[in-house]
C-alpha cells in the first residue's frame, strides 16, 4: 500500500486534524479521492519538510485551504487566459465540471491539482508552473506522487525528487 510506504519515510502527525473529504461549495459537491481521505486521516493538512504543503477542505488557515487556494488559482489562470489570449492550462477551471482542484502547493511555485474527470480514485495529478505556463499530467494518486518525491524516480519532469534527502518531517498546519 502506498500510504504504508509514505509512513516508512515520514512519521505521521501525532494528532492529525480531521478534514472533510467532500467539497460542497460554489454550487458543486465533489467527493475527493479515497487516498486523500487516508492521507488526511494519517497526516492531516501540513507541510512535508516545509516544501510540499498539503491542503485540506475548510482549513481556517488560508495557506492550507483547498477551496480558497483552488479559487485563487482559477482566477489567476483565467487572468492569464484573458491577458495572453490563450487557453493555458488546457483544463477546465473551477467551478466548471471536470475542473482542476488544488490539493498541494510546492514551495518553489509549483501547484499540484487533480483533474476531476471520472471516478475520484482515478483522478490524475496535474503539475502546474503558472509563471512559465508549464504543465504536466501525471497518472498517479496524490499519495503515489508524494512517495515518488521521496523515493524517486521523479514523479514529474517539472518537479524532480526534492525530498530525496533522507529524513523527511511532517509539520501539521496548526504548527506552521
Protein backbone atom coordinates (compact mmCIF):
# COMPACT_ATOMS: atom_id res chain seq x y z
CA UNK A 1 0.00 0.00 0.00
CA UNK A 2 1.34 3.41 -0.97
CA UNK A 3 0.39 5.09 2.31
CA UNK A 4 2.42 2.48 4.22
CA UNK A 5 5.44 3.36 2.06
CA UNK A 6 4.96 7.05 2.84
CA UNK A 7 4.74 6.29 6.56
CA UNK A 8 8.08 4.42 6.32
CA UNK A 9 9.72 7.70 5.27
CA UNK A 10 7.66 10.28 7.13
CA UNK A 11 6.33 9.86 10.67
CA UNK A 12 2.58 10.54 10.77
CA UNK A 13 1.23 13.51 12.68
CA UNK A 14 0.71 12.77 16.39
CA UNK A 15 -2.83 14.18 16.28
CA UNK A 16 -3.89 14.78 12.66
CA UNK A 17 -6.53 17.47 12.22
CA UNK A 18 -9.54 15.86 10.56
CA UNK A 19 -10.58 17.21 7.20
CA UNK A 20 -13.70 16.93 5.15
CA UNK A 21 -13.25 14.74 2.13
CA UNK A 22 -16.06 16.39 0.19
CA UNK A 23 -16.04 19.88 -1.28
CA UNK A 24 -19.51 21.42 -1.04
CA UNK A 25 -19.31 24.98 -2.31
CA UNK A 26 -19.84 27.18 -5.36
CA UNK A 27 -22.83 25.04 -6.34
CA UNK A 28 -20.66 21.92 -6.55
CA UNK A 29 -20.45 18.82 -4.40
CA UNK A 30 -17.32 16.86 -5.10
CA UNK A 31 -16.11 13.75 -3.26
CA UNK A 32 -12.33 13.68 -3.08
CA UNK A 33 -10.14 10.63 -3.83
CA UNK A 34 -10.01 7.79 -1.29
CA UNK A 35 -6.21 8.01 -0.99
CA UNK A 36 -6.60 11.67 0.01
CA UNK A 37 -9.05 10.65 2.76
CA UNK A 38 -6.45 8.18 4.05
CA UNK A 39 -3.72 10.84 3.82
CA UNK A 40 -5.85 13.25 5.86
CA UNK A 41 -6.59 10.58 8.48
CA UNK A 42 -2.87 9.89 8.99
CA UNK A 43 -1.26 13.30 8.42
CA UNK A 44 -3.93 15.98 8.13
CA UNK A 45 -3.02 19.25 6.43
CA UNK A 46 0.54 20.45 6.79
CA UNK A 47 3.98 20.55 5.24
CA UNK A 48 6.44 17.87 4.24
CA UNK A 49 9.84 19.41 5.08
CA UNK A 50 8.41 22.90 4.57
CA UNK A 51 8.41 22.10 0.86
CA UNK A 52 5.14 20.37 -0.05
CA UNK A 53 2.09 21.92 1.59
CA UNK A 54 -0.84 19.50 1.79
CA UNK A 55 -4.17 21.35 1.64
CA UNK A 56 -7.49 20.49 3.28
CA UNK A 57 -11.16 21.40 2.90
CA UNK A 58 -12.35 24.30 5.09
CA UNK A 59 -8.98 24.87 6.72
CA UNK A 60 -9.06 28.02 8.90
CA UNK A 61 -5.51 28.82 7.74
CA UNK A 62 -5.87 30.23 4.21
CA UNK A 63 -2.45 28.87 3.14
CA UNK A 64 -3.80 25.35 3.70
CA UNK A 65 -7.39 25.81 2.49
CA UNK A 66 -8.12 23.73 -0.62
CA UNK A 67 -11.18 25.66 -1.80
CA UNK A 68 -9.72 29.15 -1.28
CA UNK A 69 -6.48 28.11 -2.97
CA UNK A 70 -8.32 26.48 -5.88
CA UNK A 71 -10.46 29.60 -6.40
CA UNK A 72 -7.41 31.87 -6.27
CA UNK A 73 -5.55 29.74 -8.81
CA UNK A 74 -8.59 29.61 -11.11
CA UNK A 75 -8.85 33.41 -11.03
CA UNK A 76 -5.14 33.78 -11.81
CA UNK A 77 -5.32 31.27 -14.68
CA UNK A 78 -8.44 32.97 -16.09
CA UNK A 79 -6.46 36.22 -16.00
CA UNK A 80 -3.58 34.56 -17.90
CA UNK A 81 -6.04 33.28 -20.50
CA UNK A 82 -7.59 36.71 -20.97
CA UNK A 83 -4.33 38.67 -20.96
CA UNK A 84 -2.38 36.28 -23.20
CA UNK A 85 -5.33 35.20 -25.37
CA UNK A 86 -4.51 31.52 -24.99
CA UNK A 87 -6.13 28.52 -23.35
CA UNK A 88 -3.41 27.71 -20.81
CA UNK A 89 -3.80 25.48 -18.96
CA UNK A 90 -5.80 23.25 -21.28
CA UNK A 91 -8.13 22.12 -18.49
CA UNK A 92 -11.43 23.46 -17.14
CA UNK A 93 -11.13 25.94 -14.29
CA UNK A 94 -13.07 25.84 -11.01
CA UNK A 95 -16.05 25.62 -10.59
CA UNK A 96 -16.62 24.06 -14.04
CA UNK A 97 -17.38 20.35 -14.32
CA UNK A 98 -14.16 18.32 -14.56
CA UNK A 99 -12.14 21.30 -13.29
CA UNK A 100 -8.74 21.41 -11.68
CA UNK A 101 -8.79 21.23 -7.86
CA UNK A 102 -5.60 22.10 -5.98
CA UNK A 103 -4.52 19.57 -3.34
CA UNK A 104 -0.99 20.80 -2.61
CA UNK A 105 1.45 23.61 -3.23
CA UNK A 106 5.19 23.22 -3.62
CA UNK A 107 7.42 25.94 -2.18
CA UNK A 108 9.14 26.72 -5.47
CA UNK A 109 5.85 27.85 -7.01
CA UNK A 110 4.58 24.60 -8.42
CA UNK A 111 0.98 23.70 -7.76
CA UNK A 112 -0.45 20.19 -7.63
CA UNK A 113 -4.00 19.67 -8.81
CA UNK A 114 -6.34 16.84 -9.57
CA UNK A 115 -8.07 16.80 -12.93
CA UNK A 116 -11.55 15.95 -11.62
CA UNK A 117 -12.86 13.90 -14.55
CA UNK A 118 -14.25 10.43 -13.90
CA UNK A 119 -14.00 8.48 -10.67
CA UNK A 120 -12.04 10.26 -7.90
CA UNK A 121 -9.83 7.20 -7.36
CA UNK A 122 -8.59 7.64 -10.95
CA UNK A 123 -8.03 11.40 -11.00
CA UNK A 124 -4.55 12.18 -12.32
CA UNK A 125 -2.26 14.76 -10.78
CA UNK A 126 -1.61 17.90 -12.82
CA UNK A 127 1.59 19.80 -12.05
CA UNK A 128 1.45 23.49 -12.98
CA UNK A 129 4.09 26.19 -13.04
CA UNK A 130 1.97 29.24 -13.71
CA UNK A 131 4.70 31.81 -14.27
CA UNK A 132 6.22 29.78 -17.09
CA UNK A 133 2.90 28.34 -18.29
CA UNK A 134 4.17 24.79 -17.99
CA UNK A 135 2.04 21.82 -17.06
CA UNK A 136 2.28 18.07 -16.91
CA UNK A 137 -0.43 15.47 -16.38
CA UNK A 138 0.79 12.56 -14.25
CA UNK A 139 -1.28 9.36 -13.97
CA UNK A 140 -0.89 8.65 -10.25
CA UNK A 141 -2.62 9.38 -6.97
CA UNK A 142 -1.62 12.17 -4.60
CA UNK A 143 -0.06 9.65 -2.22
CA UNK A 144 1.91 7.99 -5.02
CA UNK A 145 3.15 11.41 -6.09
CA UNK A 146 4.36 12.19 -2.56
CA UNK A 147 6.13 8.82 -2.28
CA UNK A 148 7.88 9.40 -5.60
CA UNK A 149 9.07 12.84 -4.39
CA UNK A 150 10.90 10.94 -1.65
CA UNK A 151 11.88 7.61 -3.24
CA UNK A 152 12.16 8.56 -6.88
CA UNK A 153 12.10 8.19 -9.75
CA UNK A 154 10.93 11.75 -10.16
CA UNK A 155 7.14 11.92 -10.48
CA UNK A 156 7.27 14.81 -12.95
CA UNK A 157 9.84 16.47 -15.18
CA UNK A 158 8.71 19.77 -13.64
CA UNK A 159 9.41 18.77 -10.04
CA UNK A 160 12.18 16.19 -9.70
CA UNK A 161 12.71 14.40 -6.36
CA UNK A 162 13.26 17.29 -3.94
CA UNK A 163 12.52 15.32 -0.78
CA UNK A 164 15.03 12.57 -1.51
CA UNK A 165 17.39 13.80 1.17
CA UNK A 166 16.96 11.04 3.71
CA UNK A 167 14.87 12.25 6.63
CA UNK A 168 11.56 13.95 5.81
CA UNK A 169 9.50 15.57 8.54
CA UNK A 170 5.82 16.45 8.51
CA UNK A 171 4.65 19.55 10.34
CA UNK A 172 0.86 19.87 10.79
CA UNK A 173 -0.67 23.13 9.57
CA UNK A 174 -1.64 24.07 13.13
CA UNK A 175 2.10 24.28 13.90
CA UNK A 176 3.10 26.23 10.77
